[in-house]
Amino acid sequence: MSIGEVTRFLQGGIRETILLAAPLLLAALIVGLVVAILQATTSIQEQTLTFVPKIAAILSVLALLGGWMFTHLGNYAIQLFRMIPDMAK
């Protein structure tokens, strides 16, 4: 295996990680921002108030996109396993 192939595998893995984690992280970020704005306007400074809405948002995004995420990850794993014989040469 050349350095170029190793770099391509690493780039693909990082790309897949970002693609699969982005919807969950964006949902948590948006909900956290909304709750922070609500806390700032109402002067409620309870730190634990953000956890339940964030968890609910993450679970709902996971329920909506979970099938796509697992299918995408499975296809990527199958693609990597199919490359194993070529790497042994």
PDB file of N, CA and C in Angstrom:
ATOM      1  N   MET A   1       0.850  -1.186   0.000  1.00  0.00           N
ATOM      2  CA  MET A   1       0.000   0.000   0.000  1.00  0.00           C
ATOM      3  C   MET A   1       0.885   1.234   0.000  1.00  0.00           C
ATOM      4  N   SER A   2       0.504   2.172  -0.800  1.00  0.00           N
ATOM      5  CA  SER A   2       1.270   3.409  -0.878  1.00  0.00           C
ATOM      6  C   SER A   2       0.711   4.430   0.114  1.00  0.00           C
ATOM      7  N   ILE A   3       1.454   5.487   0.281  1.00  0.00           N
ATOM      8  CA  ILE A   3       1.031   6.562   1.170  1.00  0.00           C
ATOM      9  C   ILE A   3      -0.256   7.204   0.653  1.00  0.00           C
ATOM     10  N   GLY A   4      -0.389   7.287  -0.657  1.00  0.00           N
ATOM     11  CA  GLY A   4      -1.599   7.867  -1.242  1.00  0.00           C
ATOM     12  C   GLY A   4      -2.849   7.064  -0.912  1.00  0.00           C
ATOM     13  N   GLU A   5      -2.738   5.747  -0.947  1.00  0.00           N
ATOM     14  CA  GLU A   5      -3.892   4.898  -0.615  1.00  0.00           C
ATOM     15  C   GLU A   5      -4.258   5.028   0.852  1.00  0.00           C
ATOM     16  N   VAL A   6      -3.257   5.057   1.717  1.00  0.00           N
ATOM     17  CA  VAL A   6      -3.519   5.208   3.150  1.00  0.00           C
ATOM     18  C   VAL A   6      -4.186   6.549   3.421  1.00  0.00           C
ATOM     19  N   THR A   7      -3.698   7.584   2.765  1.00  0.00           N
ATOM     20  CA  THR A   7      -4.291   8.916   2.928  1.00  0.00           C
ATOM     21  C   THR A   7      -5.730   8.929   2.438  1.00  0.00           C
ATOM     22  N   ARG A   8      -5.994   8.249   1.333  1.00  0.00           N
ATOM     23  CA  ARG A   8      -7.358   8.182   0.807  1.00  0.00           C
ATOM     24  C   ARG A   8      -8.295   7.454   1.776  1.00  0.00           C
ATOM     25  N   PHE A   9      -7.806   6.362   2.406  1.00  0.00           N
ATOM     26  CA  PHE A   9      -8.621   5.649   3.392  1.00  0.00           C
ATOM     27  C   PHE A   9      -8.907   6.522   4.608  1.00  0.00           C
ATOM     28  N   LEU A  10      -7.905   7.252   5.067  1.00  0.00           N
ATOM     29  CA  LEU A  10      -8.107   8.138   6.212  1.00  0.00           C
ATOM     30  C   LEU A  10      -9.078   9.261   5.885  1.00  0.00           C
ATOM     31  N   GLN A  11      -8.944   9.852   4.698  1.00  0.00           N
ATOM     32  CA  GLN A  11      -9.866  10.912   4.291  1.00  0.00           C
ATOM     33  C   GLN A  11     -11.289  10.387   4.187  1.00  0.00           C
ATOM     34  N   GLY A  12     -11.448   9.185   3.643  1.00  0.00           N
ATOM     35  CA  GLY A  12     -12.783   8.583   3.545  1.00  0.00           C
ATOM     36  C   GLY A  12     -13.392   8.325   4.913  1.00  0.00           C
ATOM     37  N   GLY A  13     -12.584   7.848   5.845  1.00  0.00           N
ATOM     38  CA  GLY A  13     -13.085   7.597   7.195  1.00  0.00           C
ATOM     39  C   GLY A  13     -13.485   8.873   7.906  1.00  0.00           C
ATOM     40  N   ILE A  14     -12.685   9.908   7.756  1.00  0.00           N
ATOM     41  CA  ILE A  14     -13.024  11.190   8.376  1.00  0.00           C
ATOM     42  C   ILE A  14     -14.274  11.775   7.734  1.00  0.00           C
ATOM     43  N   ARG A  15     -14.391  11.671   6.421  1.00  0.00           N
ATOM     44  CA  ARG A  15     -15.570  12.171   5.719  1.00  0.00           C
ATOM     45  C   ARG A  15     -16.832  11.449   6.182  1.00  0.00           C
ATOM     46  N   GLU A  16     -16.757  10.132   6.316  1.00  0.00           N
ATOM     47  CA  GLU A  16     -17.918   9.363   6.772  1.00  0.00           C
ATOM     48  C   GLU A  16     -18.296   9.732   8.205  1.00  0.00           C
ATOM     49  N   THR A  17     -17.303   9.912   9.053  1.00  0.00           N
ATOM     50  CA  THR A  17     -17.568  10.283  10.445  1.00  0.00           C
ATOM     51  C   THR A  17     -18.280  11.622  10.525  1.00  0.00           C
ATOM     52  N   ILE A  18     -17.797  12.590   9.771  1.00  0.00           N
ATOM     53  CA  ILE A  18     -18.425  13.913   9.774  1.00  0.00           C
ATOM     54  C   ILE A  18     -19.828  13.843   9.195  1.00  0.00           C
ATOM     55  N   LEU A  19     -20.001  13.095   8.116  1.00  0.00           N
ATOM     56  CA  LEU A  19     -21.311  12.982   7.473  1.00  0.00           C
ATOM     57  C   LEU A  19     -22.344  12.340   8.395  1.00  0.00           C
ATOM     58  N   LEU A  20     -21.937  11.343   9.163  1.00  0.00           N
ATOM     59  CA  LEU A  20     -22.880  10.660  10.036  1.00  0.00           C
ATOM     60  C   LEU A  20     -23.120  11.402  11.345  1.00  0.00           C
ATOM     61  N   ALA A  21     -22.131  12.147  11.828  1.00  0.00           N
ATOM     62  CA  ALA A  21     -22.286  12.844  13.102  1.00  0.00           C
ATOM     63  C   ALA A  21     -22.909  14.227  12.946  1.00  0.00           C
ATOM     64  N   ALA A  22     -22.803  14.814  11.771  1.00  0.00           N
ATOM     65  CA  ALA A  22     -23.259  16.197  11.569  1.00  0.00           C
ATOM     66  C   ALA A  22     -24.734  16.423  11.896  1.00  0.00           C
ATOM     67  N   PRO A  23     -25.665  15.578  11.451  1.00  0.00           N
ATOM     68  CA  PRO A  23     -27.075  15.860  11.780  1.00  0.00           C
ATOM     69  C   PRO A  23     -27.352  15.862  13.282  1.00  0.00           C
ATOM     70  N   LEU A  24     -26.746  14.942  14.002  1.00  0.00           N
ATOM     71  CA  LEU A  24     -26.957  14.882  15.445  1.00  0.00           C
ATOM     72  C   LEU A  24     -26.350  16.093  16.143  1.00  0.00           C
ATOM     73  N   LEU A  25     -25.150  16.459  15.742  1.00  0.00           N
ATOM     74  CA  LEU A  25     -24.486  17.597  16.365  1.00  0.00           C
ATOM     75  C   LEU A  25     -25.184  18.911  16.039  1.00  0.00           C
ATOM     76  N   LEU A  26     -25.663  19.050  14.803  1.00  0.00           N
ATOM     77  CA  LEU A  26     -26.383  20.265  14.434  1.00  0.00           C
ATOM     78  C   LEU A  26     -27.698  20.402  15.197  1.00  0.00           C
ATOM     79  N   ALA A  27     -28.399  19.292  15.391  1.00  0.00           N
ATOM     80  CA  ALA A  27     -29.642  19.338  16.164  1.00  0.00           C
ATOM     81  C   ALA A  27     -29.361  19.761  17.604  1.00  0.00           C
ATOM     82  N   ALA A  28     -28.326  19.192  18.202  1.00  0.00           N
ATOM     83  CA  ALA A  28     -27.975  19.556  19.571  1.00  0.00           C
ATOM     84  C   ALA A  28     -27.528  21.016  19.657  1.00  0.00           C
ATOM     85  N   LEU A  29     -26.810  21.483  18.645  1.00  0.00           N
ATOM     86  CA  LEU A  29     -26.351  22.870  18.630  1.00  0.00           C
ATOM     87  C   LEU A  29     -27.518  23.843  18.526  1.00  0.00           C
ATOM     88  N   ILE A  30     -28.457  23.556  17.644  1.00  0.00           N
ATOM     89  CA  ILE A  30     -29.601  24.456  17.456  1.00  0.00           C
ATOM     90  C   ILE A  30     -30.475  24.487  18.701  1.00  0.00           C
ATOM     91  N   VAL A  31     -30.751  23.322  19.284  1.00  0.00           N
ATOM     92  CA  VAL A  31     -31.583  23.277  20.486  1.00  0.00           C
ATOM     93  C   VAL A  31     -30.864  23.964  21.648  1.00  0.00           C
ATOM     94  N   GLY A  32     -29.568  23.748  21.772  1.00  0.00           N
ATOM     95  CA  GLY A  32     -28.803  24.410  22.826  1.00  0.00           C
ATOM     96  C   GLY A  32     -28.815  25.919  22.676  1.00  0.00           C
ATOM     97  N   LEU A  33     -28.737  26.401  21.444  1.00  0.00           N
ATOM     98  CA  LEU A  33     -28.778  27.839  21.199  1.00  0.00           C
ATOM     99  C   LEU A  33     -30.133  28.424  21.551  1.00  0.00           C
ATOM    100  N   VAL A  34     -31.197  27.731  21.175  1.00  0.00           N
ATOM    101  CA  VAL A  34     -32.542  28.215  21.492  1.00  0.00           C
ATOM    102  C   VAL A  34     -32.756  28.247  23.006  1.00  0.00           C
ATOM    103  N   VAL A  35     -32.338  27.203  23.692  1.00  0.00           N
ATOM    104  CA  VAL A  35     -32.496  27.167  25.147  1.00  0.00           C
ATOM    105  C   VAL A  35     -31.639  28.239  25.803  1.00  0.00           C
ATOM    106  N   ALA A  36     -30.445  28.476  25.287  1.00  0.00           N
ATOM    107  CA  ALA A  36     -29.588  29.525  25.853  1.00  0.00           C
ATOM    108  C   ALA A  36     -30.204  30.904  25.677  1.00  0.00           C
ATOM    109  N   ILE A  37     -30.823  31.132  24.522  1.00  0.00           N
ATOM    110  CA  ILE A  37     -31.488  32.425  24.308  1.00  0.00           C
ATOM    111  C   ILE A  37     -32.666  32.570  25.258  1.00  0.00           C
ATOM    112  N   LEU A  38     -33.439  31.493  25.438  1.00  0.00           N
ATOM    113  CA  LEU A  38     -34.548  31.531  26.394  1.00  0.00           C
ATOM    114  C   LEU A  38     -34.055  31.774  27.814  1.00  0.00           C
ATOM    115  N   GLN A  39     -32.961  31.146  28.188  1.00  0.00           N
ATOM    116  CA  GLN A  39     -32.413  31.345  29.531  1.00  0.00           C
ATOM    117  C   GLN A  39     -31.924  32.781  29.707  1.00  0.00           C
ATOM    118  N   ALA A  40     -31.325  33.340  28.667  1.00  0.00           N
ATOM    119  CA  ALA A  40     -30.828  34.711  28.775  1.00  0.00           C
ATOM    120  C   ALA A  40     -31.964  35.718  28.874  1.00  0.00           C
ATOM    121  N   THR A  41     -33.058  35.469  28.162  1.00  0.00           N
ATOM    122  CA  THR A  41     -34.171  36.429  28.196  1.00  0.00           C
ATOM    123  C   THR A  41     -34.981  36.318  29.476  1.00  0.00           C
ATOM    124  N   THR A  42     -35.044  35.136  30.061  1.00  0.00           N
ATOM    125  CA  THR A  42     -35.843  34.967  31.280  1.00  0.00           C
ATOM    126  C   THR A  42     -34.993  34.980  32.548  1.00  0.00           C
ATOM    127  N   SER A  43     -33.698  35.124  32.418  1.00  0.00           N
ATOM    128  CA  SER A  43     -32.762  35.148  33.556  1.00  0.00           C
ATOM    129  C   SER A  43     -32.787  33.860  34.361  1.00  0.00           C
ATOM    130  N   ILE A  44     -33.157  32.760  33.733  1.00  0.00           N
ATOM    131  CA  ILE A  44     -33.084  31.451  34.380  1.00  0.00           C
ATOM    132  C   ILE A  44     -31.711  30.881  34.058  1.00  0.00           C
ATOM    133  N   GLN A  45     -30.902  30.655  35.055  1.00  0.00           N
ATOM    134  CA  GLN A  45     -29.535  30.182  34.835  1.00  0.00           C
ATOM    135  C   GLN A  45     -29.352  28.746  35.335  1.00  0.00           C
ATOM    136  N   GLU A  46     -30.311  27.910  35.085  1.00  0.00           N
ATOM    137  CA  GLU A  46     -30.218  26.495  35.477  1.00  0.00           C
ATOM    138  C   GLU A  46     -29.434  25.744  34.413  1.00  0.00           C
ATOM    139  N   GLN A  47     -28.315  25.151  34.783  1.00  0.00           N
ATOM    140  CA  GLN A  47     -27.440  24.480  33.822  1.00  0.00           C
ATOM    141  C   GLN A  47     -28.028  23.165  33.306  1.00  0.00           C
ATOM    142  N   THR A  48     -28.822  22.499  34.124  1.00  0.00           N
ATOM    143  CA  THR A  48     -29.359  21.200  33.710  1.00  0.00           C
ATOM    144  C   THR A  48     -30.569  21.328  32.795  1.00  0.00           C
ATOM    145  N   LEU A  49     -31.053  22.525  32.579  1.00  0.00           N
ATOM    146  CA  LEU A  49     -32.247  22.746  31.755  1.00  0.00           C
ATOM    147  C   LEU A  49     -32.001  22.389  30.287  1.00  0.00           C
ATOM    148  N   THR A  50     -30.767  22.424  29.830  1.00  0.00           N
ATOM    149  CA  THR A  50     -30.489  22.179  28.419  1.00  0.00           C
ATOM    150  C   THR A  50     -30.415  20.696  28.077  1.00  0.00           C
ATOM    151  N   PHE A  51     -30.208  19.842  29.051  1.00  0.00           N
ATOM    152  CA  PHE A  51     -29.977  18.428  28.752  1.00  0.00           C
ATOM    153  C   PHE A  51     -31.193  17.721  28.167  1.00  0.00           C
ATOM    154  N   VAL A  52     -32.346  17.880  28.754  1.00  0.00           N
ATOM    155  CA  VAL A  52     -33.536  17.150  28.289  1.00  0.00           C
ATOM    156  C   VAL A  52     -33.925  17.552  26.865  1.00  0.00           C
ATOM    157  N   PRO A  53     -33.980  18.840  26.521  1.00  0.00           N
ATOM    158  CA  PRO A  53     -34.310  19.178  25.131  1.00  0.00           C
ATOM    159  C   PRO A  53     -33.255  18.688  24.134  1.00  0.00           C
ATOM    160  N   LYS A  54     -31.979  18.741  24.517  1.00  0.00           N
ATOM    161  CA  LYS A  54     -30.933  18.256  23.619  1.00  0.00           C
ATOM    162  C   LYS A  54     -31.062  16.755  23.394  1.00  0.00           C
ATOM    163  N   ILE A  55     -31.298  16.013  24.454  1.00  0.00           N
ATOM    164  CA  ILE A  55     -31.448  14.559  24.323  1.00  0.00           C
ATOM    165  C   ILE A  55     -32.672  14.232  23.470  1.00  0.00           C
ATOM    166  N   ALA A  56     -33.770  14.968  23.677  1.00  0.00           N
ATOM    167  CA  ALA A  56     -34.974  14.732  22.872  1.00  0.00           C
ATOM    168  C   ALA A  56     -34.716  15.043  21.403  1.00  0.00           C
ATOM    169  N   ALA A  57     -33.987  16.108  21.126  1.00  0.00           N
ATOM    170  CA  ALA A  57     -33.686  16.463  19.738  1.00  0.00           C
ATOM    171  C   ALA A  57     -32.783  15.421  19.093  1.00  0.00           C
ATOM    172  N   ILE A  58     -31.771  14.968  19.813  1.00  0.00           N
ATOM    173  CA  ILE A  58     -30.856  13.969  19.278  1.00  0.00           C
ATOM    174  C   ILE A  58     -31.589  12.655  19.010  1.00  0.00           C
ATOM    175  N   LEU A  59     -32.447  12.238  19.938  1.00  0.00           N
ATOM    176  CA  LEU A  59     -33.198  10.998  19.735  1.00  0.00           C
ATOM    177  C   LEU A  59     -34.178  11.110  18.576  1.00  0.00           C
ATOM    178  N   SER A  60     -34.788  12.280  18.398  1.00  0.00           N
ATOM    179  CA  SER A  60     -35.724  12.422  17.279  1.00  0.00           C
ATOM    180  C   SER A  60     -34.984  12.430  15.942  1.00  0.00           C
ATOM    181  N   VAL A  61     -33.828  13.085  15.882  1.00  0.00           N
ATOM    182  CA  VAL A  61     -33.040  13.053  14.647  1.00  0.00           C
ATOM    183  C   VAL A  61     -32.551  11.640  14.375  1.00  0.00           C
ATOM    184  N   LEU A  62     -32.142  10.946  15.420  1.00  0.00           N
ATOM    185  CA  LEU A  62     -31.698   9.559  15.259  1.00  0.00           C
ATOM    186  C   LEU A  62     -32.845   8.663  14.798  1.00  0.00           C
ATOM    187  N   ALA A  63     -34.051   8.918  15.300  1.00  0.00           N
ATOM    188  CA  ALA A  63     -35.209   8.133  14.859  1.00  0.00           C
ATOM    189  C   ALA A  63     -35.539   8.417  13.392  1.00  0.00           C
ATOM    190  N   LEU A  64     -35.382   9.670  12.976  1.00  0.00           N
ATOM    191  CA  LEU A  64     -35.689  10.029  11.595  1.00  0.00           C
ATOM    192  C   LEU A  64     -34.612   9.571  10.615  1.00  0.00           C
ATOM    193  N   LEU A  65     -33.353   9.733  10.990  1.00  0.00           N
ATOM    194  CA  LEU A  65     -32.259   9.461  10.063  1.00  0.00           C
ATOM    195  C   LEU A  65     -31.463   8.204  10.399  1.00  0.00           C
ATOM    196  N   GLY A  66     -31.885   7.478  11.418  1.00  0.00           N
ATOM    197  CA  GLY A  66     -31.128   6.306  11.849  1.00  0.00           C
ATOM    198  C   GLY A  66     -31.007   5.242  10.774  1.00  0.00           C
ATOM    199  N   GLY A  67     -32.062   4.983  10.047  1.00  0.00           N
ATOM    200  CA  GLY A  67     -32.016   3.985   8.981  1.00  0.00           C
ATOM    201  C   GLY A  67     -31.024   4.363   7.898  1.00  0.00           C
ATOM    202  N   TRP A  68     -31.066   5.650   7.505  1.00  0.00           N
ATOM    203  CA  TRP A  68     -30.130   6.129   6.491  1.00  0.00           C
ATOM    204  C   TRP A  68     -28.696   6.045   7.003  1.00  0.00           C
ATOM    205  N   MET A  69     -28.498   6.410   8.257  1.00  0.00           N
ATOM    206  CA  MET A  69     -27.144   6.413   8.821  1.00  0.00           C
ATOM    207  C   MET A  69     -26.568   4.995   8.863  1.00  0.00           C
ATOM    208  N   PHE A  70     -27.360   4.036   9.320  1.00  0.00           N
ATOM    209  CA  PHE A  70     -26.865   2.660   9.406  1.00  0.00           C
ATOM    210  C   PHE A  70     -26.660   2.045   8.024  1.00  0.00           C
ATOM    211  N   THR A  71     -27.534   2.372   7.084  1.00  0.00           N
ATOM    212  CA  THR A  71     -27.349   1.891   5.713  1.00  0.00           C
ATOM    213  C   THR A  71     -26.077   2.464   5.103  1.00  0.00           C
ATOM    214  N   HIS A  72     -25.861   3.740   5.303  1.00  0.00           N
ATOM    215  CA  HIS A  72     -24.666   4.398   4.772  1.00  0.00           C
ATOM    216  C   HIS A  72     -23.399   3.812   5.396  1.00  0.00           C
ATOM    217  N   LEU A  73     -23.422   3.612   6.704  1.00  0.00           N
ATOM    218  CA  LEU A  73     -22.267   3.034   7.389  1.00  0.00           C
ATOM    219  C   LEU A  73     -22.034   1.597   6.949  1.00  0.00           C
ATOM    220  N   GLY A  74     -23.101   0.836   6.747  1.00  0.00           N
ATOM    221  CA  GLY A  74     -22.972  -0.541   6.273  1.00  0.00           C
ATOM    222  C   GLY A  74     -22.384  -0.610   4.874  1.00  0.00           C
ATOM    223  N   ASN A  75     -22.834   0.278   3.995  1.00  0.00           N
ATOM    224  CA  ASN A  75     -22.286   0.313   2.638  1.00  0.00           C
ATOM    225  C   ASN A  75     -20.812   0.674   2.646  1.00  0.00           C
ATOM    226  N   TYR A  76     -20.421   1.593   3.524  1.00  0.00           N
ATOM    227  CA  TYR A  76     -19.020   1.974   3.635  1.00  0.00           C
ATOM    228  C   TYR A  76     -18.185   0.802   4.150  1.00  0.00           C
ATOM    229  N   ALA A  77     -18.700   0.066   5.135  1.00  0.00           N
ATOM    230  CA  ALA A  77     -17.976  -1.091   5.666  1.00  0.00           C
ATOM    231  C   ALA A  77     -17.837  -2.182   4.600  1.00  0.00           C
ATOM    232  N   ILE A  78     -18.885  -2.420   3.836  1.00  0.00           N
ATOM    233  CA  ILE A  78     -18.825  -3.411   2.759  1.00  0.00           C
ATOM    234  C   ILE A  78     -17.793  -3.003   1.717  1.00  0.00           C
ATOM    235  N   GLN A  79     -17.759  -1.720   1.397  1.00  0.00           N
ATOM    236  CA  GLN A  79     -16.772  -1.215   0.443  1.00  0.00           C
ATOM    237  C   GLN A  79     -15.353  -1.444   0.964  1.00  0.00           C
ATOM    238  N   LEU A  80     -15.126  -1.209   2.241  1.00  0.00           N
ATOM    239  CA  LEU A  80     -13.795  -1.439   2.812  1.00  0.00           C
ATOM    240  C   LEU A  80     -13.430  -2.921   2.802  1.00  0.00           C
ATOM    241  N   PHE A  81     -14.386  -3.781   3.145  1.00  0.00           N
ATOM    242  CA  PHE A  81     -14.109  -5.218   3.149  1.00  0.00           C
ATOM    243  C   PHE A  81     -13.814  -5.738   1.738  1.00  0.00           C
ATOM    244  N   ARG A  82     -14.444  -5.162   0.747  1.00  0.00           N
ATOM    245  CA  ARG A  82     -14.177  -5.574  -0.629  1.00  0.00           C
ATOM    246  C   ARG A  82     -12.792  -5.140  -1.096  1.00  0.00           C
ATOM    247  N   MET A  83     -12.215  -4.152  -0.455  1.00  0.00           N
ATOM    248  CA  MET A  83     -10.886  -3.667  -0.814  1.00  0.00           C
ATOM    249  C   MET A  83      -9.768  -4.496  -0.167  1.00  0.00           C
ATOM    250  N   ILE A  84     -10.088  -5.349   0.779  1.00  0.00           N
ATOM    251  CA  ILE A  84      -9.060  -6.118   1.494  1.00  0.00           C
ATOM    252  C   ILE A  84      -8.224  -6.980   0.559  1.00  0.00           C
ATOM    253  N   PRO A  85      -8.820  -7.740  -0.377  1.00  0.00           N
ATOM    254  CA  PRO A  85      -7.963  -8.545  -1.265  1.00  0.00           C
ATOM    255  C   PRO A  85      -6.998  -7.702  -2.106  1.00  0.00           C
ATOM    256  N   ASP A  86      -7.424  -6.508  -2.500  1.00  0.00           N
ATOM    257  CA  ASP A  86      -6.531  -5.646  -3.274  1.00  0.00           C
ATOM    258  C   ASP A  86      -5.388  -5.124  -2.422  1.00  0.00           C
ATOM    259  N   MET A  87      -5.631  -4.943  -1.124  1.00  0.00           N
ATOM    260  CA  MET A  87      -4.589  -4.459  -0.239  1.00  0.00           C
ATOM    261  C   MET A  87      -3.532  -5.533   0.041  1.00  0.00           C
ATOM    262  N   ALA A  88      -3.923  -6.795  -0.056  1.00  0.00           N
ATOM    263  CA  ALA A  88      -2.989  -7.888   0.239  1.00  0.00           C
ATOM    264  C   ALA A  88      -1.983  -8.101  -0.880  1.00  0.00           C
ATOM    265  N   LYS A  89      -2.246  -7.549  -2.027  1.00  0.00           N
ATOM    266  CA  LYS A  89      -1.353  -7.750  -3.167  1.00  0.00           C
ATOM    267  C   LYS A  89      -0.110  -6.889  -3.061  1.00  0.00           C
TER     268      LYS A  89
END
